[in-house]
Amino acid sequence: MMEFAQDDAGDMVVGDVTHVHGKALTVGISGISGDEVLSIGWVETGETINLTLPEAIKLRDEIDKIIRDRHTGT
Protein backbone atom coordinates (compact mmCIF):
# COMPACT_ATOMS: atom_id res chain seq x y z
CA MET A 1 0.00 0.00 0.00
CA MET A 2 1.39 3.39 -0.96
CA GLU A 3 1.44 6.02 1.74
CA PHE A 4 3.21 9.30 2.32
CA ALA A 5 5.26 10.35 5.33
CA GLN A 6 8.06 12.72 6.23
CA ASP A 7 11.44 11.66 7.60
CA ASP A 8 13.55 13.48 10.18
CA ALA A 9 15.36 15.45 7.47
CA GLY A 10 12.09 16.75 6.06
CA ASP A 11 12.16 14.55 2.96
CA MET A 12 8.96 13.00 1.69
CA VAL A 13 8.84 9.22 1.98
CA VAL A 14 6.57 7.42 -0.50
CA GLY A 15 5.68 3.75 -0.42
CA ASP A 16 5.25 1.17 2.30
CA VAL A 17 6.06 3.45 5.22
CA THR A 18 4.37 1.25 7.82
CA HIS A 19 6.89 -1.63 7.74
CA VAL A 20 10.57 -1.49 8.65
CA HIS A 21 11.57 -3.37 5.49
CA GLY A 22 8.83 -1.96 3.26
CA LYS A 23 9.81 -0.63 -0.15
CA ALA A 24 9.85 3.15 -0.19
CA LEU A 25 11.38 6.14 -1.95
CA THR A 26 12.57 9.38 -0.44
CA VAL A 27 12.17 12.65 -2.29
CA GLY A 28 13.82 15.83 -1.09
CA ILE A 29 15.12 19.13 -2.37
CA SER A 30 18.21 20.94 -1.18
CA GLY A 31 20.42 23.79 -2.21
CA ILE A 32 20.01 27.51 -2.52
CA SER A 33 17.69 29.34 -4.89
CA GLY A 34 18.87 28.84 -8.45
CA ASP A 35 21.04 25.87 -7.49
CA GLU A 36 18.51 23.39 -6.09
CA VAL A 37 18.93 19.64 -6.38
CA LEU A 38 16.07 17.15 -6.16
CA SER A 39 17.15 13.83 -4.68
CA ILE A 40 15.17 10.63 -5.23
CA GLY A 41 16.37 7.55 -3.39
CA TRP A 42 15.51 4.02 -2.32
CA VAL A 43 15.18 3.79 1.46
CA GLU A 44 16.35 0.15 1.52
CA THR A 45 19.63 0.67 -0.32
CA GLY A 46 20.42 4.32 0.24
CA GLU A 47 21.00 4.73 -3.51
CA THR A 48 19.96 8.12 -4.88
CA ILE A 49 19.71 10.03 -8.09
CA ASN A 50 20.18 13.77 -8.00
CA LEU A 51 18.42 15.97 -10.52
CA THR A 52 18.80 19.65 -11.21
CA LEU A 53 15.58 21.61 -10.91
CA PRO A 54 15.15 21.77 -14.73
CA GLU A 55 15.68 17.98 -14.91
CA ALA A 56 13.16 17.44 -12.11
CA ILE A 57 10.60 19.60 -13.91
CA LYS A 58 11.17 17.65 -17.13
CA LEU A 59 10.73 14.35 -15.24
CA ARG A 60 7.52 15.65 -13.64
CA ASP A 61 6.18 16.70 -17.05
CA GLU A 62 7.03 13.31 -18.59
CA ILE A 63 5.35 11.41 -15.72
CA ASP A 64 2.30 13.65 -16.06
CA LYS A 65 2.21 12.98 -19.82
CA ILE A 66 2.39 9.20 -19.26
CA ILE A 67 -0.53 9.38 -16.81
CA ARG A 68 -2.62 11.67 -19.04
CA ASP A 69 -1.97 9.55 -22.14
CA ARG A 70 -2.97 6.40 -20.26
CA HIS A 71 -6.04 8.06 -18.77
CA THR A 72 -7.25 9.49 -22.08
CA GLY A 73 -6.28 6.40 -24.08
CA THR A 74 -4.12 8.32 -26.56
PDB file of N, CA and C in Angstrom:
ATOM      1  N   MET A   1       0.844  -1.169   0.000  1.00  0.00           N
ATOM      2  CA  MET A   1       0.000   0.000   0.000  1.00  0.00           C
ATOM      3  C   MET A   1       0.898   1.244   0.000  1.00  0.00           C
ATOM      4  N   MET A   2       0.602   2.177  -0.890  1.00  0.00           N
ATOM      5  CA  MET A   2       1.393   3.390  -0.963  1.00  0.00           C
ATOM      6  C   MET A   2       0.851   4.426   0.016  1.00  0.00           C
ATOM      7  N   GLU A   3       1.775   4.958   0.802  1.00  0.00           N
ATOM      8  CA  GLU A   3       1.443   6.016   1.741  1.00  0.00           C
ATOM      9  C   GLU A   3       2.533   7.068   1.672  1.00  0.00           C
ATOM     10  N   PHE A   4       2.258   8.203   2.289  1.00  0.00           N
ATOM     11  CA  PHE A   4       3.209   9.304   2.317  1.00  0.00           C
ATOM     12  C   PHE A   4       3.551   9.634   3.765  1.00  0.00           C
ATOM     13  N   ALA A   5       4.814   9.948   4.007  1.00  0.00           N
ATOM     14  CA  ALA A   5       5.263  10.346   5.333  1.00  0.00           C
ATOM     15  C   ALA A   5       6.415  11.331   5.152  1.00  0.00           C
ATOM     16  N   GLN A   6       6.919  11.822   6.260  1.00  0.00           N
ATOM     17  CA  GLN A   6       8.065  12.724   6.226  1.00  0.00           C
ATOM     18  C   GLN A   6       9.114  12.183   7.185  1.00  0.00           C
ATOM     19  N   ASP A   7      10.381  12.162   6.713  1.00  0.00           N
ATOM     20  CA  ASP A   7      11.435  11.663   7.596  1.00  0.00           C
ATOM     21  C   ASP A   7      11.997  12.805   8.439  1.00  0.00           C
ATOM     22  N   ASP A   8      12.978  12.487   9.270  1.00  0.00           N
ATOM     23  CA  ASP A   8      13.545  13.479  10.179  1.00  0.00           C
ATOM     24  C   ASP A   8      14.223  14.638   9.457  1.00  0.00           C
ATOM     25  N   ALA A   9      14.695  14.401   8.244  1.00  0.00           N
ATOM     26  CA  ALA A   9      15.365  15.450   7.474  1.00  0.00           C
ATOM     27  C   ALA A   9      14.378  16.320   6.712  1.00  0.00           C
ATOM     28  N   GLY A  10      13.096  15.974   6.769  1.00  0.00           N
ATOM     29  CA  GLY A  10      12.086  16.747   6.061  1.00  0.00           C
ATOM     30  C   GLY A  10      11.786  16.237   4.670  1.00  0.00           C
ATOM     31  N   ASP A  11      12.428  15.130   4.273  1.00  0.00           N
ATOM     32  CA  ASP A  11      12.164  14.554   2.957  1.00  0.00           C
ATOM     33  C   ASP A  11      10.844  13.799   2.974  1.00  0.00           C
ATOM     34  N   MET A  12      10.180  13.772   1.831  1.00  0.00           N
ATOM     35  CA  MET A  12       8.958  13.002   1.687  1.00  0.00           C
ATOM     36  C   MET A  12       9.342  11.541   1.476  1.00  0.00           C
ATOM     37  N   VAL A  13       8.639  10.653   2.142  1.00  0.00           N
ATOM     38  CA  VAL A  13       8.839   9.220   1.976  1.00  0.00           C
ATOM     39  C   VAL A  13       7.565   8.669   1.357  1.00  0.00           C
ATOM     40  N   VAL A  14       7.714   7.939   0.247  1.00  0.00           N
ATOM     41  CA  VAL A  14       6.573   7.420  -0.501  1.00  0.00           C
ATOM     42  C   VAL A  14       6.716   5.910  -0.611  1.00  0.00           C
ATOM     43  N   GLY A  15       5.651   5.204  -0.282  1.00  0.00           N
ATOM     44  CA  GLY A  15       5.678   3.748  -0.417  1.00  0.00           C
ATOM     45  C   GLY A  15       5.124   3.090   0.818  1.00  0.00           C
ATOM     46  N   ASP A  16       5.682   1.934   1.128  1.00  0.00           N
ATOM     47  CA  ASP A  16       5.255   1.174   2.297  1.00  0.00           C
ATOM     48  C   ASP A  16       5.979   1.735   3.515  1.00  0.00           C
ATOM     49  N   VAL A  17       5.417   2.762   4.104  1.00  0.00           N
ATOM     50  CA  VAL A  17       6.063   3.447   5.219  1.00  0.00           C
ATOM     51  C   VAL A  17       5.687   2.838   6.566  1.00  0.00           C
ATOM     52  N   THR A  18       4.832   1.829   6.564  1.00  0.00           N
ATOM     53  CA  THR A  18       4.373   1.249   7.823  1.00  0.00           C
ATOM     54  C   THR A  18       5.204   0.056   8.273  1.00  0.00           C
ATOM     55  N   HIS A  19       6.057  -0.479   7.396  1.00  0.00           N
ATOM     56  CA  HIS A  19       6.890  -1.635   7.737  1.00  0.00           C
ATOM     57  C   HIS A  19       8.364  -1.249   7.686  1.00  0.00           C
ATOM     58  N   VAL A  20       9.135  -1.801   8.590  1.00  0.00           N
ATOM     59  CA  VAL A  20      10.565  -1.493   8.654  1.00  0.00           C
ATOM     60  C   VAL A  20      11.266  -1.844   7.346  1.00  0.00           C
ATOM     61  N   HIS A  21      10.921  -2.947   6.738  1.00  0.00           N
ATOM     62  CA  HIS A  21      11.569  -3.369   5.490  1.00  0.00           C
ATOM     63  C   HIS A  21      10.681  -3.151   4.278  1.00  0.00           C
ATOM     64  N   GLY A  22       9.700  -2.256   4.394  1.00  0.00           N
ATOM     65  CA  GLY A  22       8.831  -1.965   3.259  1.00  0.00           C
ATOM     66  C   GLY A  22       9.577  -1.182   2.184  1.00  0.00           C
ATOM     67  N   LYS A  23       9.176  -1.344   0.953  1.00  0.00           N
ATOM     68  CA  LYS A  23       9.813  -0.635  -0.154  1.00  0.00           C
ATOM     69  C   LYS A  23       9.309   0.798  -0.183  1.00  0.00           C
ATOM     70  N   ALA A  24      10.238   1.750  -0.207  1.00  0.00           N
ATOM     71  CA  ALA A  24       9.852   3.153  -0.188  1.00  0.00           C
ATOM     72  C   ALA A  24      10.923   4.006  -0.861  1.00  0.00           C
ATOM     73  N   LEU A  25      10.500   5.141  -1.367  1.00  0.00           N
ATOM     74  CA  LEU A  25      11.383   6.142  -1.954  1.00  0.00           C
ATOM     75  C   LEU A  25      11.398   7.368  -1.071  1.00  0.00           C
ATOM     76  N   THR A  26      12.525   8.062  -1.067  1.00  0.00           N
ATOM     77  CA  THR A  26      12.572   9.379  -0.441  1.00  0.00           C
ATOM     78  C   THR A  26      12.708  10.416  -1.547  1.00  0.00           C
ATOM     79  N   VAL A  27      12.085  11.540  -1.339  1.00  0.00           N
ATOM     80  CA  VAL A  27      12.171  12.645  -2.286  1.00  0.00           C
ATOM     81  C   VAL A  27      12.428  13.907  -1.477  1.00  0.00           C
ATOM     82  N   GLY A  28      13.494  14.602  -1.801  1.00  0.00           N
ATOM     83  CA  GLY A  28      13.821  15.831  -1.086  1.00  0.00           C
ATOM     84  C   GLY A  28      14.507  16.819  -1.994  1.00  0.00           C
ATOM     85  N   ILE A  29      14.471  18.073  -1.593  1.00  0.00           N
ATOM     86  CA  ILE A  29      15.121  19.125  -2.371  1.00  0.00           C
ATOM     87  C   ILE A  29      16.060  19.883  -1.448  1.00  0.00           C
ATOM     88  N   SER A  30      17.225  20.199  -1.969  1.00  0.00           N
ATOM     89  CA  SER A  30      18.205  20.939  -1.178  1.00  0.00           C
ATOM     90  C   SER A  30      18.903  21.949  -2.071  1.00  0.00           C
ATOM     91  N   GLY A  31      19.684  22.785  -1.466  1.00  0.00           N
ATOM     92  CA  GLY A  31      20.422  23.794  -2.210  1.00  0.00           C
ATOM     93  C   GLY A  31      19.812  25.165  -2.024  1.00  0.00           C
ATOM     94  N   ILE A  32      20.478  26.142  -2.606  1.00  0.00           N
ATOM     95  CA  ILE A  32      20.008  27.512  -2.522  1.00  0.00           C
ATOM     96  C   ILE A  32      19.276  27.880  -3.801  1.00  0.00           C
ATOM     97  N   SER A  33      18.482  28.907  -3.736  1.00  0.00           N
ATOM     98  CA  SER A  33      17.685  29.336  -4.886  1.00  0.00           C
ATOM     99  C   SER A  33      18.559  29.473  -6.127  1.00  0.00           C
ATOM    100  N   GLY A  34      18.124  28.827  -7.198  1.00  0.00           N
ATOM    101  CA  GLY A  34      18.874  28.842  -8.446  1.00  0.00           C
ATOM    102  C   GLY A  34      19.863  27.701  -8.571  1.00  0.00           C
ATOM    103  N   ASP A  35      20.089  26.982  -7.477  1.00  0.00           N
ATOM    104  CA  ASP A  35      21.041  25.867  -7.491  1.00  0.00           C
ATOM    105  C   ASP A  35      20.478  24.672  -6.725  1.00  0.00           C
ATOM    106  N   GLU A  36      19.156  24.477  -6.814  1.00  0.00           N
ATOM    107  CA  GLU A  36      18.511  23.391  -6.090  1.00  0.00           C
ATOM    108  C   GLU A  36      18.777  22.048  -6.748  1.00  0.00           C
ATOM    109  N   VAL A  37      18.765  21.018  -5.917  1.00  0.00           N
ATOM    110  CA  VAL A  37      18.925  19.641  -6.383  1.00  0.00           C
ATOM    111  C   VAL A  37      17.799  18.815  -5.780  1.00  0.00           C
ATOM    112  N   LEU A  38      17.097  18.075  -6.621  1.00  0.00           N
ATOM    113  CA  LEU A  38      16.066  17.151  -6.164  1.00  0.00           C
ATOM    114  C   LEU A  38      16.700  15.778  -6.066  1.00  0.00           C
ATOM    115  N   SER A  39      16.598  15.160  -4.897  1.00  0.00           N
ATOM    116  CA  SER A  39      17.151  13.826  -4.679  1.00  0.00           C
ATOM    117  C   SER A  39      16.012  12.827  -4.564  1.00  0.00           C
ATOM    118  N   ILE A  40      16.129  11.726  -5.301  1.00  0.00           N
ATOM    119  CA  ILE A  40      15.173  10.632  -5.227  1.00  0.00           C
ATOM    120  C   ILE A  40      15.986   9.390  -4.872  1.00  0.00           C
ATOM    121  N   GLY A  41      15.577   8.687  -3.819  1.00  0.00           N
ATOM    122  CA  GLY A  41      16.374   7.545  -3.393  1.00  0.00           C
ATOM    123  C   GLY A  41      15.544   6.408  -2.853  1.00  0.00           C
ATOM    124  N   TRP A  42      16.118   5.206  -2.928  1.00  0.00           N
ATOM    125  CA  TRP A  42      15.510   4.023  -2.323  1.00  0.00           C
ATOM    126  C   TRP A  42      15.887   3.996  -0.855  1.00  0.00           C
ATOM    127  N   VAL A  43      14.919   3.863   0.017  1.00  0.00           N
ATOM    128  CA  VAL A  43      15.178   3.790   1.455  1.00  0.00           C
ATOM    129  C   VAL A  43      16.011   2.567   1.786  1.00  0.00           C
ATOM    130  N   GLU A  44      15.689   1.425   1.191  1.00  0.00           N
ATOM    131  CA  GLU A  44      16.348   0.153   1.522  1.00  0.00           C
ATOM    132  C   GLU A  44      17.834   0.142   1.207  1.00  0.00           C
ATOM    133  N   THR A  45      18.236   0.757   0.118  1.00  0.00           N
ATOM    134  CA  THR A  45      19.629   0.671  -0.319  1.00  0.00           C
ATOM    135  C   THR A  45      20.420   1.945  -0.077  1.00  0.00           C
ATOM    136  N   GLY A  46      19.733   3.041   0.087  1.00  0.00           N
ATOM    137  CA  GLY A  46      20.415   4.325   0.235  1.00  0.00           C
ATOM    138  C   GLY A  46      20.878   4.910  -1.087  1.00  0.00           C
ATOM    139  N   GLU A  47      20.610   4.217  -2.200  1.00  0.00           N
ATOM    140  CA  GLU A  47      21.000   4.725  -3.511  1.00  0.00           C
ATOM    141  C   GLU A  47      20.116   5.912  -3.888  1.00  0.00           C
ATOM    142  N   THR A  48      20.724   6.931  -4.479  1.00  0.00           N
ATOM    143  CA  THR A  48      19.960   8.119  -4.880  1.00  0.00           C
ATOM    144  C   THR A  48      20.337   8.566  -6.278  1.00  0.00           C
ATOM    145  N   ILE A  49      19.434   9.316  -6.854  1.00  0.00           N
ATOM    146  CA  ILE A  49      19.706  10.027  -8.090  1.00  0.00           C
ATOM    147  C   ILE A  49      19.427  11.495  -7.797  1.00  0.00           C
ATOM    148  N   ASN A  50      20.336  12.342  -8.223  1.00  0.00           N
ATOM    149  CA  ASN A  50      20.185  13.772  -8.004  1.00  0.00           C
ATOM    150  C   ASN A  50      19.877  14.443  -9.335  1.00  0.00           C
ATOM    151  N   LEU A  51      18.848  15.263  -9.322  1.00  0.00           N
ATOM    152  CA  LEU A  51      18.420  15.971 -10.522  1.00  0.00           C
ATOM    153  C   LEU A  51      18.475  17.473 -10.285  1.00  0.00           C
ATOM    154  N   THR A  52      18.913  18.199 -11.293  1.00  0.00           N
ATOM    155  CA  THR A  52      18.802  19.649 -11.209  1.00  0.00           C
ATOM    156  C   THR A  52      17.323  20.007 -11.255  1.00  0.00           C
ATOM    157  N   LEU A  53      16.985  21.221 -10.884  1.00  0.00           N
ATOM    158  CA  LEU A  53      15.579  21.614 -10.913  1.00  0.00           C
ATOM    159  C   LEU A  53      14.989  21.514 -12.324  1.00  0.00           C
ATOM    160  N   PRO A  54      15.695  21.955 -13.378  1.00  0.00           N
ATOM    161  CA  PRO A  54      15.150  21.774 -14.728  1.00  0.00           C
ATOM    162  C   PRO A  54      14.942  20.298 -15.091  1.00  0.00           C
ATOM    163  N   GLU A  55      15.852  19.420 -14.661  1.00  0.00           N
ATOM    164  CA  GLU A  55      15.685  17.983 -14.913  1.00  0.00           C
ATOM    165  C   GLU A  55      14.480  17.440 -14.156  1.00  0.00           C
ATOM    166  N   ALA A  56      14.301  17.889 -12.916  1.00  0.00           N
ATOM    167  CA  ALA A  56      13.162  17.442 -12.108  1.00  0.00           C
ATOM    168  C   ALA A  56      11.844  17.888 -12.730  1.00  0.00           C
ATOM    169  N   ILE A  57      11.814  19.096 -13.253  1.00  0.00           N
ATOM    170  CA  ILE A  57      10.604  19.599 -13.906  1.00  0.00           C
ATOM    171  C   ILE A  57      10.310  18.791 -15.161  1.00  0.00           C
ATOM    172  N   LYS A  58      11.352  18.468 -15.928  1.00  0.00           N
ATOM    173  CA  LYS A  58      11.170  17.647 -17.130  1.00  0.00           C
ATOM    174  C   LYS A  58      10.654  16.262 -16.762  1.00  0.00           C
ATOM    175  N   LEU A  59      11.200  15.655 -15.698  1.00  0.00           N
ATOM    176  CA  LEU A  59      10.730  14.353 -15.235  1.00  0.00           C
ATOM    177  C   LEU A  59       9.267  14.432 -14.820  1.00  0.00           C
ATOM    178  N   ARG A  60       8.906  15.460 -14.060  1.00  0.00           N
ATOM    179  CA  ARG A  60       7.517  15.648 -13.640  1.00  0.00           C
ATOM    180  C   ARG A  60       6.591  15.744 -14.853  1.00  0.00           C
ATOM    181  N   ASP A  61       7.001  16.529 -15.846  1.00  0.00           N
ATOM    182  CA  ASP A  61       6.179  16.696 -17.046  1.00  0.00           C
ATOM    183  C   ASP A  61       6.022  15.386 -17.807  1.00  0.00           C
ATOM    184  N   GLU A  62       7.096  14.595 -17.886  1.00  0.00           N
ATOM    185  CA  GLU A  62       7.029  13.306 -18.586  1.00  0.00           C
ATOM    186  C   GLU A  62       6.133  12.315 -17.837  1.00  0.00           C
ATOM    187  N   ILE A  63       6.230  12.282 -16.509  1.00  0.00           N
ATOM    188  CA  ILE A  63       5.352  11.408 -15.721  1.00  0.00           C
ATOM    189  C   ILE A  63       3.904  11.837 -15.891  1.00  0.00           C
ATOM    190  N   ASP A  64       3.661  13.134 -15.855  1.00  0.00           N
ATOM    191  CA  ASP A  64       2.302  13.653 -16.055  1.00  0.00           C
ATOM    192  C   ASP A  64       1.769  13.261 -17.432  1.00  0.00           C
ATOM    193  N   LYS A  65       2.618  13.340 -18.457  1.00  0.00           N
ATOM    194  CA  LYS A  65       2.212  12.977 -19.816  1.00  0.00           C
ATOM    195  C   LYS A  65       1.853  11.489 -19.890  1.00  0.00           C
ATOM    196  N   ILE A  66       2.666  10.640 -19.278  1.00  0.00           N
ATOM    197  CA  ILE A  66       2.388   9.198 -19.259  1.00  0.00           C
ATOM    198  C   ILE A  66       1.020   8.937 -18.636  1.00  0.00           C
ATOM    199  N   ILE A  67       0.751   9.581 -17.513  1.00  0.00           N
ATOM    200  CA  ILE A  67      -0.532   9.384 -16.807  1.00  0.00           C
ATOM    201  C   ILE A  67      -1.684   9.913 -17.645  1.00  0.00           C
ATOM    202  N   ARG A  68      -1.543  11.111 -18.206  1.00  0.00           N
ATOM    203  CA  ARG A  68      -2.616  11.669 -19.039  1.00  0.00           C
ATOM    204  C   ARG A  68      -2.879  10.819 -20.265  1.00  0.00           C
ATOM    205  N   ASP A  69      -1.813  10.377 -20.938  1.00  0.00           N
ATOM    206  CA  ASP A  69      -1.972   9.548 -22.136  1.00  0.00           C
ATOM    207  C   ASP A  69      -2.682   8.243 -21.789  1.00  0.00           C
ATOM    208  N   ARG A  70      -2.333   7.666 -20.680  1.00  0.00           N
ATOM    209  CA  ARG A  70      -2.969   6.404 -20.259  1.00  0.00           C
ATOM    210  C   ARG A  70      -4.429   6.639 -19.898  1.00  0.00           C
ATOM    211  N   HIS A  71      -4.690   7.746 -19.227  1.00  0.00           N
ATOM    212  CA  HIS A  71      -6.043   8.060 -18.771  1.00  0.00           C
ATOM    213  C   HIS A  71      -6.963   8.394 -19.945  1.00  0.00           C
ATOM    214  N   THR A  72      -6.422   9.089 -20.945  1.00  0.00           N
ATOM    215  CA  THR A  72      -7.247   9.487 -22.083  1.00  0.00           C
ATOM    216  C   THR A  72      -7.238   8.443 -23.192  1.00  0.00           C
ATOM    217  N   GLY A  73      -6.334   7.464 -23.076  1.00  0.00           N
ATOM    218  CA  GLY A  73      -6.282   6.399 -24.080  1.00  0.00           C
ATOM    219  C   GLY A  73      -5.606   6.795 -25.365  1.00  0.00           C
ATOM    220  N   THR A  74      -4.805   7.897 -25.339  1.00  0.00           N
ATOM    221  CA  THR A  74      -4.116   8.317 -26.559  1.00  0.00           C
ATOM    222  C   THR A  74      -2.723   7.781 -26.624  1.00  0.00           C
TER     223      THR A  74
END
